[in-house]
Amino acid sequence: MKYILIALTVFSTATYAQVNSESKPNSEDQFIPQLYDSIVGGNLRIYTGKKFYEPFSKKLLEGSLYYGDDDWTDGILGYQGQEYANVTMRYHTVLDKLIILKPQGYDGIEIPGINIDYFTLHNTRFERLSLPQEGYYAILYKGDISIFARHHTTWSEKIVDKNVVTELKARQKYYIRKNDTVTQVKSKNSVMKVLAEQKTELRKFLRQEKIIFSQSREFALQKLGKEFDRLQNQK
């Protein structure tokens, strides 16, 4: 106990980095927060949410309930202005809820969305936005314009061999925020309509980069957002 108290005293002054969407901490920057996490463990305030009960736990499922896969995965959580590394989590795309795993236990904890600044899971950063409807969105590009995606899962029931099976289908919607206006885009043409000032140059850019929009929508949107801002800033 003496050594733990000493360690806490030493590292209590090393608070978590303030939320900064533009910075990318290196391994040395992450060392203190990770060590602090390992010492304080379950006493962190992020673990004070309510226990999560899976409403689909007794159903036969076809598909995935969570973003990426159903396994618990370590990610990064921005919570009330502080960043927490190595948080074991899953993002429930049916319920639009972030669930984290309590240390030294098997209980999932549901965190109120109002307290979450962002989270990073499977190399994708999510932020809670109010438009076009409140929820978590994957940030594809953030500059003078913003491009983001809504990952959600719909469900329906069907009969298979006299059993009721819940069929899950992952879906995505893409949006561009430009001049405080959010527009859903479904095709390359709809993207070019929103980014009309640079339509000719952007089409040329896709050809030069050999990017086929219909085959890699998120990658194409990331590249188009960055290229649009670059072209605009050359004016």
Protein backbone atom coordinates (compact mmCIF):
# COMPACT_ATOMS: atom_id res chain seq x y z
CA MET A 1 0.00 0.00 0.00
CA LYS A 2 2.88 2.40 0.79
CA TYR A 3 4.30 2.02 -2.70
CA ILE A 4 0.90 2.50 -4.37
CA LEU A 5 0.33 5.72 -2.43
CA ILE A 6 3.76 7.01 -3.43
CA ALA A 7 3.07 6.19 -7.07
CA LEU A 8 -0.27 7.97 -6.95
CA THR A 9 1.35 11.02 -5.40
CA VAL A 10 4.00 11.17 -8.08
CA PHE A 11 1.62 10.77 -10.97
CA SER A 12 -1.41 12.62 -9.68
CA THR A 13 0.09 15.78 -11.12
CA ALA A 14 0.24 14.18 -14.56
CA THR A 15 -3.39 14.70 -15.57
CA TYR A 16 -4.81 13.47 -18.80
CA ALA A 17 -4.23 15.51 -21.91
CA GLN A 18 -6.98 18.01 -22.67
CA VAL A 19 -9.11 16.99 -25.62
CA ASN A 20 -7.46 18.13 -28.83
CA SER A 21 -8.78 16.70 -32.06
CA GLU A 22 -5.83 17.97 -34.08
CA SER A 23 -2.95 16.45 -32.08
CA LYS A 24 -1.67 12.91 -32.37
CA PRO A 25 0.30 11.96 -29.22
CA ASN A 26 3.39 9.82 -29.64
CA SER A 27 4.26 6.88 -27.42
CA GLU A 28 6.10 9.08 -24.90
CA ASP A 29 3.09 11.39 -24.61
CA GLN A 30 0.86 8.39 -23.88
CA PHE A 31 3.15 6.84 -21.24
CA ILE A 32 2.00 8.89 -18.23
CA PRO A 33 -1.76 8.54 -18.89
CA GLN A 34 -1.39 4.79 -19.46
CA LEU A 35 0.62 4.33 -16.25
CA TYR A 36 -1.86 6.44 -14.31
CA ASP A 37 -4.70 4.30 -15.69
CA SER A 38 -2.96 1.11 -14.61
CA ILE A 39 -2.54 2.41 -11.03
CA VAL A 40 -5.97 3.94 -10.48
CA GLY A 41 -7.83 1.28 -12.48
CA GLY A 42 -11.49 0.88 -11.55
CA ASN A 43 -11.58 4.09 -9.51
CA LEU A 44 -11.58 6.25 -12.65
CA ARG A 45 -14.75 8.30 -12.98
CA ILE A 46 -15.53 6.82 -16.39
CA TYR A 47 -16.56 3.60 -14.65
CA THR A 48 -19.43 5.19 -12.74
CA GLY A 49 -22.11 4.60 -15.39
CA LYS A 50 -24.95 2.11 -15.06
CA LYS A 51 -24.58 -1.59 -15.78
CA PHE A 52 -25.47 -2.49 -19.36
CA TYR A 53 -27.98 -5.26 -20.06
CA GLU A 54 -27.97 -6.59 -23.63
CA PRO A 55 -31.58 -6.68 -24.90
CA PHE A 56 -30.58 -9.15 -27.66
CA SER A 57 -28.82 -11.61 -25.34
CA LYS A 58 -31.49 -14.31 -25.59
CA LYS A 59 -32.06 -14.03 -29.33
CA LEU A 60 -30.60 -16.08 -32.17
CA LEU A 61 -28.60 -13.54 -34.14
CA GLU A 62 -27.46 -13.36 -37.74
CA GLY A 63 -24.98 -10.51 -38.05
CA SER A 64 -23.20 -8.20 -35.61
CA LEU A 65 -24.55 -5.84 -32.98
CA TYR A 66 -21.34 -3.84 -32.68
CA TYR A 67 -19.11 -1.70 -34.86
CA GLY A 68 -16.19 -3.65 -36.33
CA ASP A 69 -16.96 -6.88 -34.54
CA ASP A 70 -18.55 -8.13 -31.31
CA ASP A 71 -15.24 -8.56 -29.45
CA TRP A 72 -14.12 -6.18 -26.71
CA THR A 73 -11.36 -3.91 -28.02
CA ASP A 74 -9.04 -1.36 -26.38
CA GLY A 75 -9.68 2.17 -27.53
CA ILE A 76 -9.32 5.81 -26.52
CA LEU A 77 -12.05 7.75 -24.72
CA GLY A 78 -12.42 11.52 -24.49
CA TYR A 79 -14.57 12.11 -21.41
CA GLN A 80 -15.48 15.54 -20.03
CA GLY A 81 -12.32 17.18 -21.32
CA GLN A 82 -9.88 14.39 -20.44
CA GLU A 83 -8.45 11.58 -22.54
CA TYR A 84 -8.28 8.00 -21.28
CA ALA A 85 -6.13 5.43 -23.05
CA ASN A 86 -6.57 1.64 -23.14
CA VAL A 87 -10.29 1.65 -22.34
CA THR A 88 -11.87 -1.68 -23.28
CA MET A 89 -15.02 -0.89 -25.21
CA ARG A 90 -17.61 -1.78 -27.84
CA TYR A 91 -19.90 0.50 -29.84
CA HIS A 92 -23.46 -0.86 -30.08
CA THR A 93 -24.69 0.23 -33.50
CA VAL A 94 -28.28 -0.93 -32.95
CA LEU A 95 -28.73 1.14 -29.79
CA ASP A 96 -26.14 3.84 -30.64
CA LYS A 97 -24.45 3.36 -27.26
CA LEU A 98 -20.81 3.12 -26.17
CA ILE A 99 -20.27 0.26 -23.72
CA ILE A 100 -17.06 -0.06 -21.72
CA LEU A 101 -15.82 -3.06 -19.76
CA LYS A 102 -15.27 -2.67 -16.04
CA PRO A 103 -11.69 -3.54 -14.99
CA GLN A 104 -11.25 -6.87 -13.20
CA GLY A 105 -14.76 -7.86 -14.14
CA TYR A 106 -17.19 -8.93 -16.81
CA ASP A 107 -19.78 -6.16 -16.51
CA GLY A 108 -20.36 -3.73 -19.33
CA ILE A 109 -21.04 -0.13 -18.34
CA GLU A 110 -23.15 2.27 -20.34
CA ILE A 111 -21.74 5.79 -20.45
CA PRO A 112 -24.16 8.72 -20.90
CA GLY A 113 -23.51 10.28 -24.30
CA ILE A 114 -23.59 13.78 -22.84
CA ASN A 115 -20.28 13.06 -21.04
CA ILE A 116 -18.43 11.72 -24.09
CA ASP A 117 -16.35 14.11 -26.18
CA TYR A 118 -15.18 11.39 -28.57
CA PHE A 119 -13.92 7.83 -28.70
CA THR A 120 -11.54 6.03 -31.05
CA LEU A 121 -12.26 2.40 -31.87
CA HIS A 122 -10.79 0.20 -34.64
CA ASN A 123 -8.73 3.21 -35.81
CA THR A 124 -11.90 5.27 -36.30
CA ARG A 125 -12.73 8.41 -34.33
CA PHE A 126 -16.36 8.94 -33.32
CA GLU A 127 -17.88 12.16 -32.04
CA ARG A 128 -21.38 12.84 -30.77
CA LEU A 129 -23.12 15.33 -33.05
CA SER A 130 -26.53 16.96 -32.87
CA LEU A 131 -27.05 17.22 -36.66
CA PRO A 132 -28.52 15.75 -38.78
CA GLN A 133 -29.81 13.80 -35.77
CA GLU A 134 -28.18 13.35 -32.40
CA GLY A 135 -25.85 10.38 -32.19
CA TYR A 136 -22.31 9.10 -32.76
CA TYR A 137 -20.68 9.74 -36.13
CA ALA A 138 -17.39 8.48 -37.56
CA ILE A 139 -15.26 11.49 -38.50
CA LEU A 140 -13.85 10.91 -41.99
CA TYR A 141 -12.41 14.38 -42.54
CA LYS A 142 -12.31 17.56 -40.46
CA GLY A 143 -11.09 20.83 -41.92
CA ASP A 144 -12.86 23.86 -43.38
CA ILE A 145 -15.51 21.34 -44.33
CA SER A 146 -16.34 18.19 -42.36
CA ILE A 147 -17.28 14.77 -43.67
CA PHE A 148 -18.71 12.12 -41.37
CA ALA A 149 -20.56 8.80 -41.43
CA ARG A 150 -23.38 7.34 -39.40
CA HIS A 151 -22.96 3.61 -38.76
CA HIS A 152 -26.17 2.01 -37.66
CA THR A 153 -27.62 -1.49 -37.65
CA THR A 154 -31.22 -2.40 -38.38
CA TRP A 155 -32.87 -5.63 -37.33
CA SER A 156 -35.79 -7.81 -38.36
CA GLU A 157 -36.99 -11.29 -37.51
CA LYS A 158 -37.41 -14.29 -39.74
CA ILE A 159 -38.18 -18.00 -39.33
CA VAL A 160 -35.34 -20.44 -40.02
CA ASP A 161 -35.93 -24.16 -39.35
CA LYS A 162 -38.84 -23.25 -37.05
CA ASN A 163 -36.62 -20.90 -35.04
CA VAL A 164 -37.02 -17.14 -34.79
CA VAL A 165 -33.78 -15.54 -36.01
CA THR A 166 -32.96 -11.85 -35.61
CA GLU A 167 -31.30 -10.63 -38.80
CA LEU A 168 -28.91 -7.69 -38.39
CA LYS A 169 -27.87 -5.46 -41.29
CA ALA A 170 -25.09 -2.85 -40.99
CA ARG A 171 -25.83 0.40 -42.82
CA GLN A 172 -23.97 3.64 -43.41
CA LYS A 173 -25.05 7.19 -44.20
CA TYR A 174 -22.59 9.88 -45.26
CA TYR A 175 -22.77 13.62 -44.67
CA ILE A 176 -20.86 16.77 -45.58
CA ARG A 177 -20.97 19.85 -43.37
CA LYS A 178 -20.22 22.98 -45.39
CA ASN A 179 -20.94 26.57 -44.33
CA ASP A 180 -22.95 25.29 -41.33
CA THR A 181 -25.20 23.22 -43.61
CA VAL A 182 -25.26 19.41 -43.32
CA THR A 183 -26.10 17.50 -46.50
CA GLN A 184 -26.44 13.74 -46.95
CA VAL A 185 -24.51 12.38 -49.93
CA LYS A 186 -25.25 9.04 -51.54
CA SER A 187 -23.22 9.08 -54.74
CA LYS A 188 -20.26 10.73 -56.43
CA ASN A 189 -22.62 13.11 -58.23
CA SER A 190 -24.25 14.21 -54.98
CA VAL A 191 -20.79 14.89 -53.49
CA MET A 192 -19.83 16.97 -56.51
CA LYS A 193 -23.07 18.95 -56.17
CA VAL A 194 -22.14 19.94 -52.61
CA LEU A 195 -18.52 20.70 -53.58
CA ALA A 196 -19.52 22.39 -56.83
CA GLU A 197 -16.84 25.12 -56.66
CA GLN A 198 -14.17 22.51 -57.38
CA LYS A 199 -16.22 19.90 -59.23
CA THR A 200 -14.03 19.76 -62.34
CA GLU A 201 -10.77 19.55 -60.39
CA LEU A 202 -12.16 16.94 -57.99
CA ARG A 203 -13.28 14.67 -60.82
CA LYS A 204 -9.82 15.00 -62.33
CA PHE A 205 -8.28 14.20 -58.93
CA LEU A 206 -10.27 10.96 -58.62
CA ARG A 207 -9.13 9.86 -62.07
CA GLN A 208 -5.48 10.67 -61.34
CA GLU A 209 -5.59 8.81 -58.03
CA LYS A 210 -7.51 5.91 -59.61
CA ILE A 211 -10.15 6.10 -56.88
CA ILE A 212 -13.48 4.48 -57.73
CA PHE A 213 -16.05 6.14 -55.49
CA SER A 214 -18.58 3.30 -55.50
CA GLN A 215 -15.97 0.77 -54.41
CA SER A 216 -14.40 2.73 -51.54
CA ARG A 217 -16.77 5.45 -50.38
CA GLU A 218 -15.14 6.34 -47.07
CA PHE A 219 -11.63 6.47 -48.52
CA ALA A 220 -12.88 8.56 -51.45
CA LEU A 221 -14.69 10.99 -49.15
CA GLN A 222 -11.60 11.42 -46.97
CA LYS A 223 -9.47 12.22 -50.01
CA LEU A 224 -12.07 14.51 -51.57
CA GLY A 225 -12.50 16.52 -48.39
CA LYS A 226 -8.79 17.14 -48.05
CA GLU A 227 -8.37 17.97 -51.74
CA PHE A 228 -11.36 20.34 -51.73
CA ASP A 229 -9.92 22.35 -48.84
CA ARG A 230 -6.51 22.44 -50.52
CA LEU A 231 -7.99 23.80 -53.75
CA GLN A 232 -10.13 26.34 -51.93
CA ASN A 233 -7.18 27.64 -49.95
CA GLN A 234 -5.22 28.23 -53.15
CA LYS A 235 -7.65 30.92 -54.24
